Each structure stands twice: as C-alpha cells, then as structure tokens.
C-alpha cells in the first residue's frame, strides 16, 4: 500500500457558535466558490460546542481575525493511505479500522499525536509538520511513501531520522476517556460536484440553519444506511495526547466493525453502523470506559 503525504499546510481552528455570522462570507466562498479562492483543502464540522475548520494556508486567509476563532498552534500535514497506485483521489479508500494496526497504532506507539478526518471517499490522518520525519521513519517499512506535488505523486525522500530510533515496547491502550452515544442517527453522504450549483442554497441551509436536504442529489454508502456516534471525551481533549484514536480504532478493527472517525477541536467522534452499536459498546467496554 501507499502512504501519500499531501502538499497542503493545514490550520485547525475552532469557531465559536456566536462567531459563525462573521465567518459566513468566508465559509461560503471556501465551500462554494472554488474559482474565487486558491484554497485546495477545506473541511467544516459542526458540533454542539463549536465549528471546527480544517483549511490550508490560502483558505485561512479568507477568515476574519476574531477572538471568537481559536487556532491550534501547530501546522498540520494530511496523510492519505491508498491501495494501488495512481492519483490519491481515484484510488480505493481503506477505512480507519483497516489502517488501525498499520498506521494509527504505530504512530501512537511512537508518541505521535494524530488528528483524524474520515470522509465518504477516504480517510485523512493529520500529523504535525514537525513530526513528519518520525512519521516517515515509523511507517516506511509498511508503506511506499509518496509526496503529492502539484497534484502529482513523487517518491518521498528520507528526511534523515536514523540515529536514536528505538522500536518501542508495545503496551495495551485502555480507553481512558469517557464515552457517550447520543440518540440521533447520522447519514454519511457524498455530493456529486456537478450538482453543487443547483443545491448550493440547500447546502447553506444545512450548514448555517440546520435545514433538510433532498435525497436525490446524494450518493450514500448503502441505501438507507444509518450510523450511530460514539463521542470520546468528557473535557476538551487538546492536541498533545497520543493514542486517543488508537484506543478506539484498534478494538473496532479487532471486532471487524467499520467506522468513520472525525476529530474536532475539542472532542473526537466515531461513527459506526447502527446495527453494530451494541457490539461497539461491548468492545470498548472491554478496553475501559463505555457509554
């Protein structure tokens, strides 16, 4: 398999709920007017606490300066695991539980913090830019490492981490953060870009006013498939603790339960198929706390 290191330098920020109005113009431009901005990577996640935005440096310029926006100190790089060669966007996605043992666990074992973003088509593993040499050294034995430059994949050069590298002793990772599972259901969807102009106002309604969405413009992973959430954390998790994603992903991988995993500025979230929620609770209870 291949590990693609994307070329974007990313910022992770939190927009407070009352700050969304001052950011609306920039967010609409980033989401719907690609020709009007040089931004190439943009993600917006709403939770009850805030909005988390992941955006490259060009896109970050579209946001206003405000005390209602908090920005994580580090610059982040996105990694993408694909099976088979070619462009990352056209390769077969792997899934967070499929990479739990080959990517997530080794990075946790080497005290490398990750920020996870699952999408309908692929999973992005965000790592601090300063951690990239150790990331590459940790994963080079399992993956062909490639960098994406101007949209093309090229061989990633060794960044010189050789001396002092000791393979850590693997230890169990109990689930140490409180978990909860809200009662609402989630639908994981993908939108055909060609339909974006015709549904832009509807999407804005969903993004800013929590309105509905027409079913006939969506691609779903399975007809009528619904997902339940497991939320990780009682207090904001921060960005320095290592192994949080591994604590959740490894038991799910062992139980062969698929999952989407979304890190946000304050908490982490795993989406699992509705029919598997009780199995998930049992698997995570075995590892520690449970909802």
Protein backbone atom coordinates (compact mmCIF):
# COMPACT_ATOMS: atom_id res chain seq x y z
CA UNK A 1 0.00 0.00 0.00
CA UNK A 2 0.96 3.62 -0.44
CA UNK A 3 1.04 6.48 2.02
CA UNK A 4 0.53 9.81 0.29
CA UNK A 5 1.76 12.97 2.01
CA UNK A 6 -0.42 15.77 0.68
CA UNK A 7 1.14 19.11 -0.19
CA UNK A 8 -1.19 21.29 1.88
CA UNK A 9 -0.02 23.02 5.06
CA UNK A 10 -3.13 22.99 7.23
CA UNK A 11 -4.56 25.01 10.09
CA UNK A 12 -7.04 23.56 12.61
CA UNK A 13 -9.33 26.14 14.17
CA UNK A 14 -12.45 26.44 16.28
CA UNK A 15 -15.19 28.96 15.54
CA UNK A 16 -17.46 29.63 18.50
CA UNK A 17 -21.17 29.33 17.82
CA UNK A 18 -21.76 33.05 18.15
CA UNK A 19 -18.87 33.70 15.75
CA UNK A 20 -20.34 31.89 12.76
CA UNK A 21 -22.04 35.03 11.46
CA UNK A 22 -18.79 36.94 10.99
CA UNK A 23 -17.29 33.91 9.19
CA UNK A 24 -20.24 33.17 6.89
CA UNK A 25 -18.89 35.11 3.89
CA UNK A 26 -15.51 33.37 4.03
CA UNK A 27 -17.02 29.93 4.60
CA UNK A 28 -19.42 30.31 1.66
CA UNK A 29 -16.51 31.35 -0.54
CA UNK A 30 -14.43 28.35 0.57
CA UNK A 31 -17.27 25.84 0.20
CA UNK A 32 -18.98 27.01 -2.97
CA UNK A 33 -16.76 29.43 -4.90
CA UNK A 34 -13.61 27.45 -5.61
CA UNK A 35 -12.73 29.67 -8.57
CA UNK A 36 -12.62 32.70 -6.28
CA UNK A 37 -10.04 31.31 -3.86
CA UNK A 38 -6.73 29.44 -4.02
CA UNK A 39 -7.80 27.12 -1.21
CA UNK A 40 -7.35 23.40 -2.00
CA UNK A 41 -8.29 21.75 1.32
CA UNK A 42 -11.33 22.71 3.38
CA UNK A 43 -13.39 20.90 6.00
CA UNK A 44 -16.11 22.22 8.31
CA UNK A 45 -17.59 20.17 11.15
CA UNK A 46 -20.37 21.42 13.42
CA UNK A 47 -20.80 20.00 16.93
CA UNK A 48 -22.95 21.22 19.82
CA UNK A 49 -19.94 23.14 21.17
CA UNK A 50 -18.47 24.87 18.11
CA UNK A 51 -17.47 24.65 14.47
CA UNK A 52 -14.13 23.01 13.64
CA UNK A 53 -12.49 24.14 10.43
CA UNK A 54 -9.51 22.47 8.76
CA UNK A 55 -8.15 24.59 5.96
CA UNK A 56 -4.93 25.24 4.11
CA UNK A 57 -3.00 28.48 4.46
CA UNK A 58 -4.63 30.11 1.44
CA UNK A 59 -8.08 29.26 2.73
CA UNK A 60 -7.26 30.50 6.21
CA UNK A 61 -6.77 33.98 4.72
CA UNK A 62 -10.49 34.03 3.91
CA UNK A 63 -11.41 34.02 7.62
CA UNK A 64 -11.55 37.24 9.66
CA UNK A 65 -9.39 37.86 12.69
CA UNK A 66 -11.55 37.49 15.77
CA UNK A 67 -11.42 36.49 19.42
CA UNK A 68 -14.20 34.04 18.53
CA UNK A 69 -11.75 31.97 16.45
CA UNK A 70 -9.17 29.80 18.22
CA UNK A 71 -6.33 28.30 16.20
CA UNK A 72 -4.19 25.30 17.15
CA UNK A 73 -0.54 26.28 17.37
CA UNK A 74 0.87 23.65 15.02
CA UNK A 75 0.87 23.44 11.24
CA UNK A 76 -0.51 20.08 10.12
CA UNK A 77 0.05 17.84 7.11
CA UNK A 78 -2.51 15.38 5.76
CA UNK A 79 -1.61 11.76 5.06
CA UNK A 80 -3.75 9.52 2.91
CA UNK A 81 -3.46 5.73 2.70
CA UNK A 82 -4.46 4.19 -0.62
CA UNK A 83 -4.31 0.71 -2.09
CA UNK A 84 -2.85 0.62 -5.58
CA UNK A 85 -1.05 3.32 -7.48
CA UNK A 86 -2.25 6.44 -9.14
CA UNK A 87 -3.90 9.61 -8.02
CA UNK A 88 -5.00 9.61 -4.37
CA UNK A 89 -8.46 10.85 -5.28
CA UNK A 90 -9.12 7.90 -7.59
CA UNK A 91 -7.56 5.11 -5.55
CA UNK A 92 -9.53 2.69 -3.41
CA UNK A 93 -10.14 4.07 0.11
CA UNK A 94 -9.03 1.94 3.06
CA UNK A 95 -11.08 2.95 6.10
CA UNK A 96 -9.97 3.91 9.60
CA UNK A 97 -10.35 0.44 11.11
CA UNK A 98 -8.35 -1.06 8.24
CA UNK A 99 -5.40 1.20 9.00
CA UNK A 100 -5.70 0.97 12.79
CA UNK A 101 -2.91 -1.57 13.17
CA UNK A 102 -0.69 -0.44 10.29
CA UNK A 103 -0.82 3.35 10.77
CA UNK A 104 -2.73 4.53 13.84
CA UNK A 105 -1.18 2.14 16.37
CA UNK A 106 2.47 2.57 15.26
CA UNK A 107 2.17 6.35 15.41
CA UNK A 108 0.67 6.12 18.89
CA UNK A 109 3.47 3.77 19.96
CA UNK A 110 5.98 6.41 18.91
CA UNK A 111 4.15 9.21 20.76
CA UNK A 112 2.99 10.93 17.58
CA UNK A 113 -0.30 12.74 18.01
CA UNK A 114 -2.79 12.49 15.12
CA UNK A 115 -5.93 14.36 14.13
CA UNK A 116 -8.31 12.15 12.15
CA UNK A 117 -10.74 13.15 9.41
CA UNK A 118 -12.81 10.44 7.72
CA UNK A 119 -14.80 11.33 4.61
CA UNK A 120 -17.08 9.35 2.32
CA UNK A 121 -14.22 8.62 -0.09
CA UNK A 122 -11.11 8.42 2.07
CA UNK A 123 -9.51 8.95 5.47
CA UNK A 124 -7.05 11.74 6.20
CA UNK A 125 -4.54 11.36 9.03
CA UNK A 126 -3.27 14.78 10.09
CA UNK A 127 0.12 14.99 11.78
CA UNK A 128 2.12 17.97 12.93
CA UNK A 129 4.52 19.14 10.26
CA UNK A 130 7.42 18.92 12.71
CA UNK A 131 6.61 15.22 13.31
CA UNK A 132 6.84 14.26 9.63
CA UNK A 133 10.41 12.85 9.75
CA UNK A 134 9.47 10.49 12.57
CA UNK A 135 6.17 9.60 10.86
CA UNK A 136 8.00 8.62 7.69
CA UNK A 137 10.59 6.61 9.59
CA UNK A 138 7.89 4.83 11.58
CA UNK A 139 5.80 3.83 8.56
CA UNK A 140 8.44 3.35 5.86
CA UNK A 141 8.70 -0.42 6.43
CA UNK A 142 4.98 -0.94 5.79
CA UNK A 143 4.23 1.58 3.05
CA UNK A 144 5.58 3.09 -0.12
CA UNK A 145 5.91 6.75 0.85
CA UNK A 146 4.92 9.31 -1.75
CA UNK A 147 4.55 13.08 -1.66
CA UNK A 148 1.91 14.90 -3.68
CA UNK A 149 3.49 17.83 -5.53
CA UNK A 150 1.35 19.97 -7.84
CA UNK A 151 -1.20 17.18 -7.95
CA UNK A 152 1.32 14.50 -8.94
CA UNK A 153 2.72 11.79 -6.67
CA UNK A 154 6.50 11.53 -6.42
CA UNK A 155 8.79 9.49 -4.19
CA UNK A 156 9.16 10.93 -0.71
CA UNK A 157 12.78 11.43 0.25
CA UNK A 158 14.14 10.14 3.54
CA UNK A 159 14.25 13.04 5.99
CA UNK A 160 17.19 11.62 7.86
CA UNK A 161 15.71 10.18 11.07
CA UNK A 162 18.02 7.24 11.72
CA UNK A 163 20.08 7.63 14.88
CA UNK A 164 18.47 7.03 18.24
CA UNK A 165 15.39 5.34 16.79
CA UNK A 166 14.32 2.53 19.10
CA UNK A 167 11.29 0.38 18.44
CA UNK A 168 9.05 0.85 21.46
CA UNK A 169 7.71 -1.92 23.59
CA UNK A 170 4.04 -2.31 22.69
CA UNK A 171 1.66 -1.92 25.60
CA UNK A 172 -2.14 -2.20 25.88
CA UNK A 173 -4.08 1.00 25.28
CA UNK A 174 -7.12 1.12 27.57
CA UNK A 175 -9.91 3.53 26.75
CA UNK A 176 -9.29 6.21 29.36
CA UNK A 177 -11.68 8.95 28.24
CA UNK A 178 -15.41 8.87 28.99
CA UNK A 179 -17.59 7.85 26.07
CA UNK A 180 -21.15 8.74 25.20
CA UNK A 181 -23.54 7.80 22.43
CA UNK A 182 -26.23 10.36 21.52
CA UNK A 183 -29.58 9.05 20.40
CA UNK A 184 -29.66 10.68 16.96
CA UNK A 185 -28.76 8.87 13.74
CA UNK A 186 -26.35 10.01 11.04
CA UNK A 187 -26.31 9.55 7.28
CA UNK A 188 -22.92 9.53 5.53
CA UNK A 189 -23.26 11.01 2.07
CA UNK A 190 -21.30 12.25 -0.92
CA UNK A 191 -22.34 15.01 -3.27
CA UNK A 192 -21.68 14.94 -7.00
CA UNK A 193 -19.69 18.16 -7.66
CA UNK A 194 -21.63 18.74 -10.85
CA UNK A 195 -24.80 19.23 -8.80
CA UNK A 196 -23.24 21.80 -6.46
CA UNK A 197 -24.62 24.93 -8.17
CA UNK A 198 -28.17 23.55 -8.11
CA UNK A 199 -28.09 22.66 -4.41
CA UNK A 200 -25.86 25.44 -3.04
CA UNK A 201 -28.70 27.24 -1.26
CA UNK A 202 -29.88 23.97 0.28
CA UNK A 203 -26.37 23.21 1.48
CA UNK A 204 -26.11 26.67 3.02
CA UNK A 205 -29.36 25.96 4.84
CA UNK A 206 -27.87 22.73 6.22
CA UNK A 207 -24.58 24.40 7.16
CA UNK A 208 -25.97 27.50 8.83
CA UNK A 209 -29.64 26.85 9.60
CA UNK A 210 -29.85 23.05 10.08
CA UNK A 211 -32.42 22.59 7.35
CA UNK A 212 -33.25 19.50 5.32
CA UNK A 213 -31.61 18.02 2.25
CA UNK A 214 -33.09 16.31 -0.82
CA UNK A 215 -32.23 12.61 -1.14
CA UNK A 216 -32.00 12.56 -4.92
CA UNK A 217 -28.74 14.53 -5.09
CA UNK A 218 -26.76 12.33 -2.71
CA UNK A 219 -24.64 9.21 -3.09
CA UNK A 220 -24.88 7.07 0.05
CA UNK A 221 -22.73 4.11 1.01
CA UNK A 222 -25.82 1.91 1.16
CA UNK A 223 -29.48 2.66 0.63
CA UNK A 224 -30.99 3.74 3.92
CA UNK A 225 -27.82 3.01 5.91
CA UNK A 226 -27.68 4.88 9.20
CA UNK A 227 -24.80 5.40 11.61
CA UNK A 228 -24.58 5.93 15.36
CA UNK A 229 -21.99 8.12 17.05
CA UNK A 230 -19.62 7.37 19.88
CA UNK A 231 -18.24 10.59 21.30
CA UNK A 232 -14.87 10.49 23.04
CA UNK A 233 -14.03 12.88 25.86
CA UNK A 234 -15.69 14.50 28.86
CA UNK A 235 -13.43 17.56 28.85
CA UNK A 236 -11.73 19.04 25.75
CA UNK A 237 -9.01 16.62 24.65
CA UNK A 238 -6.41 19.05 23.37
CA UNK A 239 -3.82 18.17 20.74
CA UNK A 240 -0.87 16.75 22.68
CA UNK A 241 -2.15 13.43 23.99
CA UNK A 242 -1.16 10.45 21.86
CA UNK A 243 -3.14 7.27 21.28
CA UNK A 244 -6.73 8.51 21.55
CA UNK A 245 -7.64 7.41 18.02
CA UNK A 246 -5.84 4.09 18.56
CA UNK A 247 -7.81 3.44 21.76
CA UNK A 248 -11.00 3.42 19.70
CA UNK A 249 -9.84 2.19 16.29
CA UNK A 250 -7.94 -0.90 17.47
CA UNK A 251 -10.86 -2.60 19.30
CA UNK A 252 -13.16 -1.84 16.36
CA UNK A 253 -10.62 -3.31 13.95
CA UNK A 254 -10.33 -6.44 16.10
CA UNK A 255 -14.12 -6.76 16.07
CA UNK A 256 -14.17 -6.08 12.30
CA UNK A 257 -16.57 -3.15 12.69
CA UNK A 258 -16.25 -0.36 10.07
CA UNK A 259 -16.09 3.21 11.30
CA UNK A 260 -15.71 6.80 10.27
CA UNK A 261 -13.58 8.82 12.70
CA UNK A 262 -13.76 12.60 12.98
CA UNK A 263 -11.54 14.61 15.28
CA UNK A 264 -12.70 18.10 16.18
CA UNK A 265 -11.09 20.95 18.07
CA UNK A 266 -12.46 19.76 21.42
CA UNK A 267 -13.60 16.13 21.11
CA UNK A 268 -13.31 13.03 18.93
CA UNK A 269 -16.17 11.15 17.30
CA UNK A 270 -16.55 7.68 15.79
CA UNK A 271 -19.46 6.78 13.53
CA UNK A 272 -20.38 3.09 13.39
CA UNK A 273 -23.24 1.29 11.62
CA UNK A 274 -26.45 1.49 13.61
CA UNK A 275 -26.76 -2.28 13.83
CA UNK A 276 -23.28 -2.55 15.36
CA UNK A 277 -23.67 -0.03 18.19
CA UNK A 278 -24.15 -2.67 20.90
CA UNK A 279 -21.14 -4.62 19.64
CA UNK A 280 -19.12 -1.40 19.69
CA UNK A 281 -20.15 -0.67 23.26
CA UNK A 282 -19.15 -4.20 24.31
CA UNK A 283 -15.81 -3.95 22.51
CA UNK A 284 -14.95 -0.60 24.07
CA UNK A 285 -16.20 -1.67 27.49
CA UNK A 286 -13.65 -4.46 27.34
CA UNK A 287 -10.96 -1.82 26.80
CA UNK A 288 -12.07 0.55 29.54
CA UNK A 289 -14.88 3.05 29.95
CA UNK A 290 -18.11 2.69 27.97
CA UNK A 291 -21.09 4.92 27.14
